[in-house]
Amino acid sequence: MLNKQTDVAPAANAAGLSYVVYQVTDLFTAQHFLEDFGLTRVMITEDRLFMRGVGSDAYLYEARLGDHCSFIGAGFSVSSLAELEALSLLPGSRPIEPSDAPGAGLQVRMLAPEGFEITALFGQNAAPLATASSARALNMNGAKPRINSSVRIQRQAGDVLRLGHFVLRVKDHDAMVTWFNERLGLIASDYLVATPDSQRALATFLRCDHGQHLVDHHCLFVIGAGETGVHHCSFEVEDFDALASAHDYLEQRGARLVCGIGRHLLGSQIYDYWLDPFGFRVEHYTDGDVVDAEHRPGFHAVTAEETTQWGMPPPPDFFT
């Protein structure tokens, strides 16, 4: 399918974002924090840890044991073996191979610009975890469907539904965006620019291209930062109550708050950011924008402070 933004037919059209991969120095420390954050252990070996949410993905987070901490990469699902075959022929790609991670399937590992490991995955098997939904009717002005029933919320780890997005800080913004355009068919939802009259993107929100079918506003945000690394990864929870009760629970557990609760400008998510034990930012979010082919990218000249509509603002070092 031709990418209408770039006039390029990508090798594959990503079905969705599946997981992120980090290297850490202690797998059990990672597990304990991620369990407090709302993930569940799927498997642990001497050198790998896999954590999942309550949705249908086999896992959302892989930690690999190493002598230093770093972000390794991410995995995207594709819809056909033919797409894997096409990706396997491109420079920097490995041959198709079985995945040895939970859910199995077939995969192609690719080396993206600046050293990130991006994997395309097909045929992974998984099922949702059996868990009671925390969704509840809200009594708002003009509609009050909750009748003779009270709200009772426990402060507890908020069940993570799925991985929503991750954010890369890169030296060459344009090269990274082009790579994801051409390999996985990601397209722009919005751009950040330096001045109101500029159309020179300094950062780009990318989404999966599913035509008229709704997708998240972004699954990847690429920031031209003059350095290579990850800014954060973000996990969706059920609703505001789940996010707020998880906030209190993480505070009780001694986790380090970065900023939150607040609402973003681009993407509109209600957010809550924390630091994991290794210094990486992780986010809970809910109520994010979804878009389809009718959405047109905007060029936004906003300061870091203006990216928050309300709530606790990010600290000065949040964008570095």
C-alpha atoms as a PDB file:
ATOM      1  CA  MET A   1       0.000   0.000   0.000  1.00  0.00           C
ATOM      2  CA  LEU A   2       1.379   3.410  -0.999  1.00  0.00           C
ATOM      3  CA  ASN A   3       2.201   5.729   1.880  1.00  0.00           C
ATOM      4  CA  LYS A   4       0.287   8.859   0.835  1.00  0.00           C
ATOM      5  CA  GLN A   5       2.484  11.113   2.977  1.00  0.00           C
ATOM      6  CA  THR A   6       5.753   9.953   1.420  1.00  0.00           C
ATOM      7  CA  ASP A   7       4.671   8.479  -1.955  1.00  0.00           C
ATOM      8  CA  VAL A   8       6.667   5.376  -1.021  1.00  0.00           C
ATOM      9  CA  ALA A   9       5.333   1.828  -0.788  1.00  0.00           C
ATOM     10  CA  PRO A  10       6.703   0.526   2.529  1.00  0.00           C
ATOM     11  CA  ALA A  11       8.104  -2.966   2.848  1.00  0.00           C
ATOM     12  CA  ALA A  12       5.516  -3.691   5.547  1.00  0.00           C
ATOM     13  CA  ASN A  13       2.567  -2.027   7.210  1.00  0.00           C
ATOM     14  CA  ALA A  14       2.868  -2.420  10.974  1.00  0.00           C
ATOM     15  CA  ALA A  15      -0.215  -3.882  12.620  1.00  0.00           C
ATOM     16  CA  GLY A  16       0.805  -2.454  15.971  1.00  0.00           C
ATOM     17  CA  LEU A  17       3.470  -1.887  18.565  1.00  0.00           C
ATOM     18  CA  SER A  18       4.129  -5.052  20.569  1.00  0.00           C
ATOM     19  CA  TYR A  19       6.962  -4.610  23.062  1.00  0.00           C
ATOM     20  CA  VAL A  20      10.040  -2.676  24.168  1.00  0.00           C
ATOM     21  CA  VAL A  21      13.435  -4.097  25.147  1.00  0.00           C
ATOM     22  CA  TYR A  22      15.820  -2.733  27.778  1.00  0.00           C
ATOM     23  CA  GLN A  23      19.124  -3.935  29.179  1.00  0.00           C
ATOM     24  CA  VAL A  24      19.346  -3.730  32.982  1.00  0.00           C
ATOM     25  CA  THR A  25      21.792  -4.819  35.658  1.00  0.00           C
ATOM     26  CA  ASP A  26      19.324  -6.740  37.873  1.00  0.00           C
ATOM     27  CA  LEU A  27      16.356  -8.702  36.540  1.00  0.00           C
ATOM     28  CA  PHE A  28      14.669  -9.210  39.911  1.00  0.00           C
ATOM     29  CA  THR A  29      14.799  -5.500  40.726  1.00  0.00           C
ATOM     30  CA  ALA A  30      13.225  -4.854  37.326  1.00  0.00           C
ATOM     31  CA  GLN A  31      10.531  -7.459  37.960  1.00  0.00           C
ATOM     32  CA  HIS A  32       9.551  -6.072  41.355  1.00  0.00           C
ATOM     33  CA  PHE A  33       9.168  -2.534  40.039  1.00  0.00           C
ATOM     34  CA  LEU A  34       7.246  -3.632  36.942  1.00  0.00           C
ATOM     35  CA  GLU A  35       4.870  -5.691  39.086  1.00  0.00           C
ATOM     36  CA  ASP A  36       4.198  -2.586  41.176  1.00  0.00           C
ATOM     37  CA  PHE A  37       3.650  -0.752  37.890  1.00  0.00           C
ATOM     38  CA  GLY A  38       0.939  -3.221  36.840  1.00  0.00           C
ATOM     39  CA  LEU A  39       2.723  -5.809  34.696  1.00  0.00           C
ATOM     40  CA  THR A  40       2.837  -9.577  35.266  1.00  0.00           C
ATOM     41  CA  ARG A  41       5.846 -11.853  34.857  1.00  0.00           C
ATOM     42  CA  VAL A  42       5.561 -14.298  31.989  1.00  0.00           C
ATOM     43  CA  MET A  43       9.005 -15.865  32.061  1.00  0.00           C
ATOM     44  CA  ILE A  44      12.432 -15.318  33.585  1.00  0.00           C
ATOM     45  CA  THR A  45      15.725 -17.006  32.720  1.00  0.00           C
ATOM     46  CA  GLU A  46      19.287 -16.363  33.769  1.00  0.00           C
ATOM     47  CA  ASP A  47      19.545 -13.405  31.430  1.00  0.00           C
ATOM     48  CA  ARG A  48      16.045 -12.423  30.230  1.00  0.00           C
ATOM     49  CA  LEU A  49      12.809 -11.273  31.836  1.00  0.00           C
ATOM     50  CA  PHE A  50       9.452 -10.972  30.052  1.00  0.00           C
ATOM     51  CA  MET A  51       6.508  -9.011  31.477  1.00  0.00           C
ATOM     52  CA  ARG A  52       2.988  -8.723  30.077  1.00  0.00           C
ATOM     53  CA  GLY A  53      -0.222  -6.795  30.599  1.00  0.00           C
ATOM     54  CA  VAL A  54      -3.794  -8.059  30.793  1.00  0.00           C
ATOM     55  CA  GLY A  55      -4.405  -7.600  27.054  1.00  0.00           C
ATOM     56  CA  SER A  56      -3.783 -10.121  24.295  1.00  0.00           C
ATOM     57  CA  ASP A  57      -0.070  -9.441  23.697  1.00  0.00           C
ATOM     58  CA  ALA A  58       2.222 -12.248  24.840  1.00  0.00           C
ATOM     59  CA  TYR A  59       4.529  -9.708  26.479  1.00  0.00           C
ATOM     60  CA  LEU A  60       5.061  -5.955  26.493  1.00  0.00           C
ATOM     61  CA  TYR A  61       8.453  -5.549  28.120  1.00  0.00           C
ATOM     62  CA  GLU A  62      11.658  -7.550  27.842  1.00  0.00           C
ATOM     63  CA  ALA A  63      14.616  -6.931  30.151  1.00  0.00           C
ATOM     64  CA  ARG A  64      18.004  -8.393  29.235  1.00  0.00           C
ATOM     65  CA  LEU A  65      20.725  -8.756  31.829  1.00  0.00           C
ATOM     66  CA  GLY A  66      23.901  -6.780  31.174  1.00  0.00           C
ATOM     67  CA  ASP A  67      26.702  -4.867  32.838  1.00  0.00           C
ATOM     68  CA  HIS A  68      25.096  -1.486  32.131  1.00  0.00           C
ATOM     69  CA  CYS A  69      21.608  -0.119  31.539  1.00  0.00           C
ATOM     70  CA  SER A  70      20.425   0.883  28.088  1.00  0.00           C
ATOM     71  CA  PHE A  71      17.457   0.913  25.733  1.00  0.00           C
ATOM     72  CA  ILE A  72      17.830  -1.788  23.076  1.00  0.00           C
ATOM     73  CA  GLY A  73      14.761  -1.457  20.869  1.00  0.00           C
ATOM     74  CA  ALA A  74      11.179  -2.471  20.196  1.00  0.00           C
ATOM     75  CA  GLY A  75       8.999  -4.963  18.359  1.00  0.00           C
ATOM     76  CA  PHE A  76       6.132  -4.359  15.929  1.00  0.00           C
ATOM     77  CA  SER A  77       3.637  -6.926  14.698  1.00  0.00           C
ATOM     78  CA  VAL A  78       2.909  -7.345  10.985  1.00  0.00           C
ATOM     79  CA  SER A  79      -0.016  -9.076   9.353  1.00  0.00           C
ATOM     80  CA  SER A  80       1.599 -11.423   6.856  1.00  0.00           C
ATOM     81  CA  LEU A  81       4.570 -13.663   6.220  1.00  0.00           C
ATOM     82  CA  ALA A  82       5.075 -11.838   2.917  1.00  0.00           C
ATOM     83  CA  GLU A  83       5.840  -8.653   4.854  1.00  0.00           C
ATOM     84  CA  LEU A  84       8.448 -10.469   6.913  1.00  0.00           C
ATOM     85  CA  GLU A  85       9.989 -11.806   3.718  1.00  0.00           C
ATOM     86  CA  ALA A  86      10.163  -8.316   2.218  1.00  0.00           C
ATOM     87  CA  LEU A  87      11.752  -6.904   5.374  1.00  0.00           C
ATOM     88  CA  SER A  88      14.305  -9.705   5.538  1.00  0.00           C
ATOM     89  CA  LEU A  89      15.749  -8.634   2.177  1.00  0.00           C
ATOM     90  CA  LEU A  90      16.533  -5.065   3.224  1.00  0.00           C
ATOM     91  CA  PRO A  91      19.941  -3.797   4.375  1.00  0.00           C
ATOM     92  CA  GLY A  92      20.486  -4.289   8.092  1.00  0.00           C
ATOM     93  CA  SER A  93      17.912  -7.082   8.326  1.00  0.00           C
ATOM     94  CA  ARG A  94      18.505 -10.639   9.469  1.00  0.00           C
ATOM     95  CA  PRO A  95      16.788 -13.650   7.884  1.00  0.00           C
ATOM     96  CA  ILE A  96      13.394 -14.799   9.093  1.00  0.00           C
ATOM     97  CA  GLU A  97      13.782 -16.876  12.258  1.00  0.00           C
ATOM     98  CA  PRO A  98      11.568 -18.367  14.971  1.00  0.00           C
ATOM     99  CA  SER A  99      11.087 -16.165  18.003  1.00  0.00           C
ATOM    100  CA  ASP A 100      12.303 -17.730  21.246  1.00  0.00           C
ATOM    101  CA  ALA A 101      10.226 -15.293  23.322  1.00  0.00           C
ATOM    102  CA  PRO A 102       6.791 -15.993  24.847  1.00  0.00           C
ATOM    103  CA  GLY A 103       4.142 -16.334  22.169  1.00  0.00           C
ATOM    104  CA  ALA A 104       6.650 -17.675  19.630  1.00  0.00           C
ATOM    105  CA  GLY A 105       5.919 -16.723  16.018  1.00  0.00           C
ATOM    106  CA  LEU A 106       8.381 -15.706  13.319  1.00  0.00           C
ATOM    107  CA  GLN A 107      10.500 -12.582  13.351  1.00  0.00           C
ATOM    108  CA  VAL A 108      12.935 -10.413  11.423  1.00  0.00           C
ATOM    109  CA  ARG A 109      15.403  -8.410  13.465  1.00  0.00           C
ATOM    110  CA  MET A 110      16.515  -5.139  11.905  1.00  0.00           C
ATOM    111  CA  LEU A 111      19.193  -2.640  12.771  1.00  0.00           C
ATOM    112  CA  ALA A 112      17.681   0.839  12.645  1.00  0.00           C
ATOM    113  CA  PRO A 113      19.726   4.033  12.400  1.00  0.00           C
ATOM    114  CA  GLU A 114      21.797   4.853  15.479  1.00  0.00           C
ATOM    115  CA  GLY A 115      21.887   1.222  16.584  1.00  0.00           C
ATOM    116  CA  PHE A 116      18.336   0.497  17.733  1.00  0.00           C
ATOM    117  CA  GLU A 117      17.139  -3.107  17.315  1.00  0.00           C
ATOM    118  CA  ILE A 118      13.681  -3.094  15.745  1.00  0.00           C
ATOM    119  CA  THR A 119      11.949  -6.444  15.266  1.00  0.00           C
ATOM    120  CA  ALA A 120       9.010  -7.299  13.033  1.00  0.00           C
ATOM    121  CA  LEU A 121       6.929 -10.171  14.367  1.00  0.00           C
ATOM    122  CA  PHE A 122       4.303 -12.367  12.712  1.00  0.00           C
ATOM    123  CA  GLY A 123       2.156 -15.168  14.128  1.00  0.00           C
ATOM    124  CA  GLN A 124       2.665 -14.592  17.830  1.00  0.00           C
ATOM    125  CA  ASN A 125       0.202 -16.539  19.980  1.00  0.00           C
ATOM    126  CA  ALA A 126      -1.293 -15.121  23.173  1.00  0.00           C
ATOM    127  CA  ALA A 127      -4.576 -14.591  24.976  1.00  0.00           C
ATOM    128  CA  PRO A 128      -5.844 -11.944  27.395  1.00  0.00           C
ATOM    129  CA  LEU A 129      -5.405 -12.580  31.095  1.00  0.00           C
ATOM    130  CA  ALA A 130      -8.590 -13.271  33.040  1.00  0.00           C
ATOM    131  CA  THR A 131      -9.165 -10.095  35.043  1.00  0.00           C
ATOM    132  CA  ALA A 132     -12.162  -8.063  36.085  1.00  0.00           C
ATOM    133  CA  SER A 133     -12.495  -4.787  34.199  1.00  0.00           C
ATOM    134  CA  SER A 134     -12.356  -1.687  36.389  1.00  0.00           C
ATOM    135  CA  ALA A 135     -14.374   0.358  33.890  1.00  0.00           C
ATOM    136  CA  ARG A 136     -17.379   2.003  35.507  1.00  0.00           C
ATOM    137  CA  ALA A 137     -20.158   4.354  34.500  1.00  0.00           C
ATOM    138  CA  LEU A 138     -19.469   8.026  35.177  1.00  0.00           C
ATOM    139  CA  ASN A 139     -22.184  10.391  36.391  1.00  0.00           C
ATOM    140  CA  MET A 140     -21.581  13.548  34.370  1.00  0.00           C
ATOM    141  CA  ASN A 141     -23.684  16.612  33.746  1.00  0.00           C
ATOM    142  CA  GLY A 142     -26.544  15.599  31.504  1.00  0.00           C
ATOM    143  CA  ALA A 143     -26.044  11.850  31.853  1.00  0.00           C
ATOM    144  CA  LYS A 144     -25.979   9.968  35.149  1.00  0.00           C
ATOM    145  CA  PRO A 145     -26.132   6.245  34.358  1.00  0.00           C
ATOM    146  CA  ARG A 146     -24.725   5.045  37.702  1.00  0.00           C
ATOM    147  CA  ILE A 147     -27.861   4.623  39.836  1.00  0.00           C
ATOM    148  CA  ASN A 148     -28.024   3.227  43.372  1.00  0.00           C
ATOM    149  CA  SER A 149     -24.369   2.280  43.096  1.00  0.00           C
ATOM    150  CA  SER A 150     -21.349   3.896  44.740  1.00  0.00           C
ATOM    151  CA  VAL A 151     -17.744   4.159  43.578  1.00  0.00           C
ATOM    152  CA  ARG A 152     -15.178   2.294  45.660  1.00  0.00           C
ATOM    153  CA  ILE A 153     -11.563   2.400  44.490  1.00  0.00           C
ATOM    154  CA  GLN A 154      -8.621   0.530  45.996  1.00  0.00           C
ATOM    155  CA  ARG A 155      -5.095   1.899  45.892  1.00  0.00           C
ATOM    156  CA  GLN A 156      -3.359  -0.860  43.983  1.00  0.00           C
ATOM    157  CA  ALA A 157      -1.136  -1.621  41.042  1.00  0.00           C
ATOM    158  CA  GLY A 158      -3.066  -0.552  37.976  1.00  0.00           C
ATOM    159  CA  ASP A 159      -3.555  -3.347  35.460  1.00  0.00           C
ATOM    160  CA  VAL A 160      -1.619  -2.409  32.326  1.00  0.00           C
ATOM    161  CA  LEU A 161      -3.697  -3.064  29.230  1.00  0.00           C
ATOM    162  CA  ARG A 162      -1.049  -2.680  26.547  1.00  0.00           C
ATOM    163  CA  LEU A 163       2.013  -0.804  25.394  1.00  0.00           C
ATOM    164  CA  GLY A 164       0.952   2.458  23.812  1.00  0.00           C
ATOM    165  CA  HIS A 165       4.129   4.119  22.555  1.00  0.00           C
ATOM    166  CA  PHE A 166       7.807   4.807  23.071  1.00  0.00           C
ATOM    167  CA  VAL A 167       9.905   7.900  22.458  1.00  0.00           C
ATOM    168  CA  LEU A 168      13.347   8.052  20.854  1.00  0.00           C
ATOM    169  CA  ARG A 169      15.890  10.849  21.144  1.00  0.00           C
ATOM    170  CA  VAL A 170      18.080  10.777  18.058  1.00  0.00           C
ATOM    171  CA  LYS A 171      20.898  12.621  16.318  1.00  0.00           C
ATOM    172  CA  ASP A 172      19.321  12.472  12.856  1.00  0.00           C
ATOM    173  CA  HIS A 173      15.583  13.005  13.117  1.00  0.00           C
ATOM    174  CA  ASP A 174      14.860  12.844   9.380  1.00  0.00           C
ATOM    175  CA  ALA A 175      16.792   9.609   8.826  1.00  0.00           C
ATOM    176  CA  MET A 176      14.957   7.876  11.683  1.00  0.00           C
ATOM    177  CA  VAL A 177      11.517   8.995  10.538  1.00  0.00           C
ATOM    178  CA  THR A 178      12.280   7.920   6.965  1.00  0.00           C
ATOM    179  CA  TRP A 179      13.447   4.503   8.138  1.00  0.00           C
ATOM    180  CA  PHE A 180      10.157   3.847   9.962  1.00  0.00           C
ATOM    181  CA  ASN A 181       8.180   5.229   6.992  1.00  0.00           C
ATOM    182  CA  GLU A 182       9.885   2.888   4.536  1.00  0.00           C
ATOM    183  CA  ARG A 183      10.191  -0.235   6.690  1.00  0.00           C
ATOM    184  CA  LEU A 184       6.964  -0.313   8.699  1.00  0.00           C
ATOM    185  CA  GLY A 185       4.713   2.220   6.999  1.00  0.00           C
ATOM    186  CA  LEU A 186       4.455   4.560   9.984  1.00  0.00           C
ATOM    187  CA  ILE A 187       3.034   7.979   9.106  1.00  0.00           C
ATOM    188  CA  ALA A 188       3.042  11.356  10.820  1.00  0.00           C
ATOM    189  CA  SER A 189       0.212  12.534  13.056  1.00  0.00           C
ATOM    190  CA  ASP A 190       1.804  15.824  14.147  1.00  0.00           C
ATOM    191  CA  TYR A 191       5.086  17.726  13.998  1.00  0.00           C
ATOM    192  CA  LEU A 192       6.906  19.969  16.437  1.00  0.00           C
ATOM    193  CA  VAL A 193       8.606  22.960  14.805  1.00  0.00           C
ATOM    194  CA  ALA A 194      10.723  25.877  16.005  1.00  0.00           C
ATOM    195  CA  THR A 195       8.500  28.752  14.870  1.00  0.00           C
ATOM    196  CA  PRO A 196       4.824  29.105  13.888  1.00  0.00           C
ATOM    197  CA  ASP A 197       5.687  29.706  10.215  1.00  0.00           C
ATOM    198  CA  SER A 198       8.098  26.747   9.950  1.00  0.00           C
ATOM    199  CA  GLN A 199       7.392  23.367   8.388  1.00  0.00           C
ATOM    200  CA  ARG A 200      10.815  21.979   9.291  1.00  0.00           C
ATOM    201  CA  ALA A 201      10.075  19.197  11.792  1.00  0.00           C
ATOM    202  CA  LEU A 202      12.226  18.973  14.898  1.00  0.00           C
ATOM    203  CA  ALA A 203      10.158  16.083  16.262  1.00  0.00           C
ATOM    204  CA  THR A 204       7.494  13.835  14.761  1.00  0.00           C
ATOM    205  CA  PHE A 205       4.630  11.825  16.220  1.00  0.00           C
ATOM    206  CA  LEU A 206       4.279   8.618  14.162  1.00  0.00           C
ATOM    207  CA  ARG A 207       1.335   6.221  14.014  1.00  0.00           C
ATOM    208  CA  CYS A 208       0.413   2.988  12.283  1.00  0.00           C
ATOM    209  CA  ASP A 209      -1.369   3.505   8.965  1.00  0.00           C
ATOM    210  CA  HIS A 210      -4.635   1.574   9.075  1.00  0.00           C
ATOM    211  CA  GLY A 211      -6.583   3.783   6.687  1.00  0.00           C
ATOM    212  CA  GLN A 212     -10.129   4.350   7.921  1.00  0.00           C
ATOM    213  CA  HIS A 213      -9.627   2.149  10.981  1.00  0.00           C
ATOM    214  CA  LEU A 214      -8.902   3.997  14.205  1.00  0.00           C
ATOM    215  CA  VAL A 215      -5.397   3.888  15.669  1.00  0.00           C
ATOM    216  CA  ASP A 216      -3.602   5.683  18.483  1.00  0.00           C
ATOM    217  CA  HIS A 217      -2.406   9.200  17.689  1.00  0.00           C
ATOM    218  CA  HIS A 218       1.146   7.856  17.969  1.00  0.00           C
ATOM    219  CA  CYS A 219       2.987   4.634  18.673  1.00  0.00           C
ATOM    220  CA  LEU A 220       6.383   6.307  18.306  1.00  0.00           C
ATOM    221  CA  PHE A 221       7.610   9.848  18.911  1.00  0.00           C
ATOM    222  CA  VAL A 222      10.965  10.753  17.347  1.00  0.00           C
ATOM    223  CA  ILE A 223      12.784  13.776  18.786  1.00  0.00           C
ATOM    224  CA  GLY A 224      15.789  15.357  17.131  1.00  0.00           C
ATOM    225  CA  ALA A 225      17.959  15.787  20.190  1.00  0.00           C
ATOM    226  CA  GLY A 226      21.582  15.628  19.089  1.00  0.00           C
ATOM    227  CA  GLU A 227      22.040  12.389  21.029  1.00  0.00           C
ATOM    228  CA  THR A 228      20.865   8.787  20.894  1.00  0.00           C
ATOM    229  CA  GLY A 229      18.651   7.205  23.542  1.00  0.00           C
ATOM    230  CA  VAL A 230      15.153   6.616  24.820  1.00  0.00           C
ATOM    231  CA  HIS A 231      12.992   9.206  26.518  1.00  0.00           C
ATOM    232  CA  HIS A 232      10.240   6.937  27.856  1.00  0.00           C
ATOM    233  CA  CYS A 233       7.867   4.098  27.137  1.00  0.00           C
ATOM    234  CA  SER A 234       4.163   4.347  27.901  1.00  0.00           C
ATOM    235  CA  PHE A 235       1.508   1.846  28.993  1.00  0.00           C
ATOM    236  CA  GLU A 236      -2.260   2.257  28.847  1.00  0.00           C
ATOM    237  CA  VAL A 237      -4.499   1.674  31.882  1.00  0.00           C
ATOM    238  CA  GLU A 238      -8.287   1.413  31.993  1.00  0.00           C
ATOM    239  CA  ASP A 239      -9.351   4.894  33.049  1.00  0.00           C
ATOM    240  CA  PHE A 240      -8.621   7.873  35.272  1.00  0.00           C
ATOM    241  CA  ASP A 241      -9.472   5.979  38.481  1.00  0.00           C
ATOM    242  CA  ALA A 242      -7.035   3.199  37.550  1.00  0.00           C
ATOM    243  CA  LEU A 243      -4.313   5.745  36.798  1.00  0.00           C
ATOM    244  CA  ALA A 244      -4.887   7.774  39.973  1.00  0.00           C
ATOM    245  CA  SER A 245      -5.107   4.766  42.287  1.00  0.00           C
ATOM    246  CA  ALA A 246      -1.941   3.352  40.701  1.00  0.00           C
ATOM    247  CA  HIS A 247      -0.269   6.737  41.349  1.00  0.00           C
ATOM    248  CA  ASP A 248      -1.045   6.483  45.062  1.00  0.00           C
ATOM    249  CA  TYR A 249       0.058   2.854  45.160  1.00  0.00           C
ATOM    250  CA  LEU A 250       3.408   3.609  43.522  1.00  0.00           C
ATOM    251  CA  GLU A 251       3.988   6.438  46.000  1.00  0.00           C
ATOM    252  CA  GLN A 252       3.291   4.031  48.855  1.00  0.00           C
ATOM    253  CA  ARG A 253       5.769   1.578  47.354  1.00  0.00           C
ATOM    254  CA  GLY A 254       8.479   4.233  47.294  1.00  0.00           C
ATOM    255  CA  ALA A 255       8.680   4.738  43.527  1.00  0.00           C
ATOM    256  CA  ARG A 256      10.163   7.970  42.226  1.00  0.00           C
ATOM    257  CA  LEU A 257       7.650  10.328  40.599  1.00  0.00           C
ATOM    258  CA  VAL A 258       8.771  12.340  37.560  1.00  0.00           C
ATOM    259  CA  CYS A 259       5.581  14.288  36.878  1.00  0.00           C
ATOM    260  CA  GLY A 260       1.860  13.705  36.975  1.00  0.00           C
ATOM    261  CA  ILE A 261      -0.958  13.566  37.028  1.00  0.00           C
ATOM    262  CA  GLY A 262      -1.591  15.857  34.039  1.00  0.00           C
ATOM    263  CA  ARG A 263      -2.907  15.999  30.485  1.00  0.00           C
ATOM    264  CA  HIS A 264      -0.751  16.290  27.387  1.00  0.00           C
ATOM    265  CA  LEU A 265      -1.458  18.663  24.533  1.00  0.00           C
ATOM    266  CA  LEU A 266      -0.554  16.497  21.514  1.00  0.00           C
ATOM    267  CA  GLY A 267      -2.183  13.109  21.864  1.00  0.00           C
ATOM    268  CA  SER A 268      -4.293  14.431  24.773  1.00  0.00           C
ATOM    269  CA  GLN A 269      -3.351  11.595  27.125  1.00  0.00           C
ATOM    270  CA  ILE A 270      -3.827  11.897  30.862  1.00  0.00           C
ATOM    271  CA  TYR A 271      -0.322  10.996  32.011  1.00  0.00           C
ATOM    272  CA  ASP A 272       1.659   9.897  35.036  1.00  0.00           C
ATOM    273  CA  TYR A 273       5.450   9.469  34.716  1.00  0.00           C
ATOM    274  CA  TRP A 274       7.751   7.522  37.024  1.00  0.00           C
ATOM    275  CA  LEU A 275      11.410   6.548  37.151  1.00  0.00           C
ATOM    276  CA  ASP A 276      12.236   2.849  37.261  1.00  0.00           C
ATOM    277  CA  PRO A 277      15.126   1.657  39.481  1.00  0.00           C
ATOM    278  CA  PHE A 278      17.564   2.101  36.580  1.00  0.00           C
ATOM    279  CA  GLY A 279      16.649   5.712  35.826  1.00  0.00           C
ATOM    280  CA  PHE A 280      14.374   5.109  32.829  1.00  0.00           C
ATOM    281  CA  ARG A 281      11.089   7.008  32.562  1.00  0.00           C
ATOM    282  CA  VAL A 282       7.911   4.929  32.309  1.00  0.00           C
ATOM    283  CA  GLU A 283       4.418   6.302  31.851  1.00  0.00           C
ATOM    284  CA  HIS A 284       0.875   5.285  32.694  1.00  0.00           C
ATOM    285  CA  TYR A 285      -1.695   6.946  30.460  1.00  0.00           C
ATOM    286  CA  THR A 286      -5.387   6.893  29.673  1.00  0.00           C
ATOM    287  CA  ASP A 287      -7.846   8.773  27.430  1.00  0.00           C
ATOM    288  CA  GLY A 288      -5.524   9.320  24.469  1.00  0.00           C
ATOM    289  CA  ASP A 289      -6.564  10.495  21.013  1.00  0.00           C
ATOM    290  CA  VAL A 290      -7.362   8.048  18.220  1.00  0.00           C
ATOM    291  CA  VAL A 291      -7.306   9.028  14.550  1.00  0.00           C
ATOM    292  CA  ASP A 292      -7.957   7.645  11.082  1.00  0.00           C
ATOM    293  CA  ALA A 293      -7.078   8.598   7.514  1.00  0.00           C
ATOM    294  CA  GLU A 294      -9.043  11.846   7.817  1.00  0.00           C
ATOM    295  CA  HIS A 295      -6.541  13.205  10.336  1.00  0.00           C
ATOM    296  CA  ARG A 296      -4.068  15.718   8.936  1.00  0.00           C
ATOM    297  CA  PRO A 297      -0.728  16.429  10.618  1.00  0.00           C
ATOM    298  CA  GLY A 298      -0.307  19.831  12.213  1.00  0.00           C
ATOM    299  CA  PHE A 299       2.842  21.885  12.724  1.00  0.00           C
ATOM    300  CA  HIS A 300       3.069  22.961  16.353  1.00  0.00           C
ATOM    301  CA  ALA A 301       5.486  25.557  17.687  1.00  0.00           C
ATOM    302  CA  VAL A 302       5.112  24.965  21.408  1.00  0.00           C
ATOM    303  CA  THR A 303       7.525  25.191  24.296  1.00  0.00           C
ATOM    304  CA  ALA A 304       8.166  22.245  26.577  1.00  0.00           C
ATOM    305  CA  GLU A 305       5.956  23.833  29.233  1.00  0.00           C
ATOM    306  CA  GLU A 306       3.090  24.227  26.759  1.00  0.00           C
ATOM    307  CA  THR A 307       2.923  20.506  26.055  1.00  0.00           C
ATOM    308  CA  THR A 308       0.953  20.107  29.312  1.00  0.00           C
ATOM    309  CA  GLN A 309      -2.646  21.349  29.357  1.00  0.00           C
ATOM    310  CA  TRP A 310      -3.162  20.909  33.084  1.00  0.00           C
ATOM    311  CA  GLY A 311      -1.634  19.123  36.047  1.00  0.00           C
ATOM    312  CA  MET A 312       1.840  18.744  37.442  1.00  0.00           C
ATOM    313  CA  PRO A 313       4.285  20.196  34.895  1.00  0.00           C
ATOM    314  CA  PRO A 314       7.374  18.282  33.797  1.00  0.00           C
ATOM    315  CA  PRO A 315      10.616  19.144  35.615  1.00  0.00           C
ATOM    316  CA  PRO A 316      13.268  21.199  33.762  1.00  0.00           C
ATOM    317  CA  ASP A 317      15.313  18.083  32.921  1.00  0.00           C
ATOM    318  CA  PHE A 318      12.320  16.165  31.520  1.00  0.00           C
ATOM    319  CA  PHE A 319      13.087  17.084  27.921  1.00  0.00           C
ATOM    320  CA  THR A 320      16.818  16.419  28.104  1.00  0.00           C
END
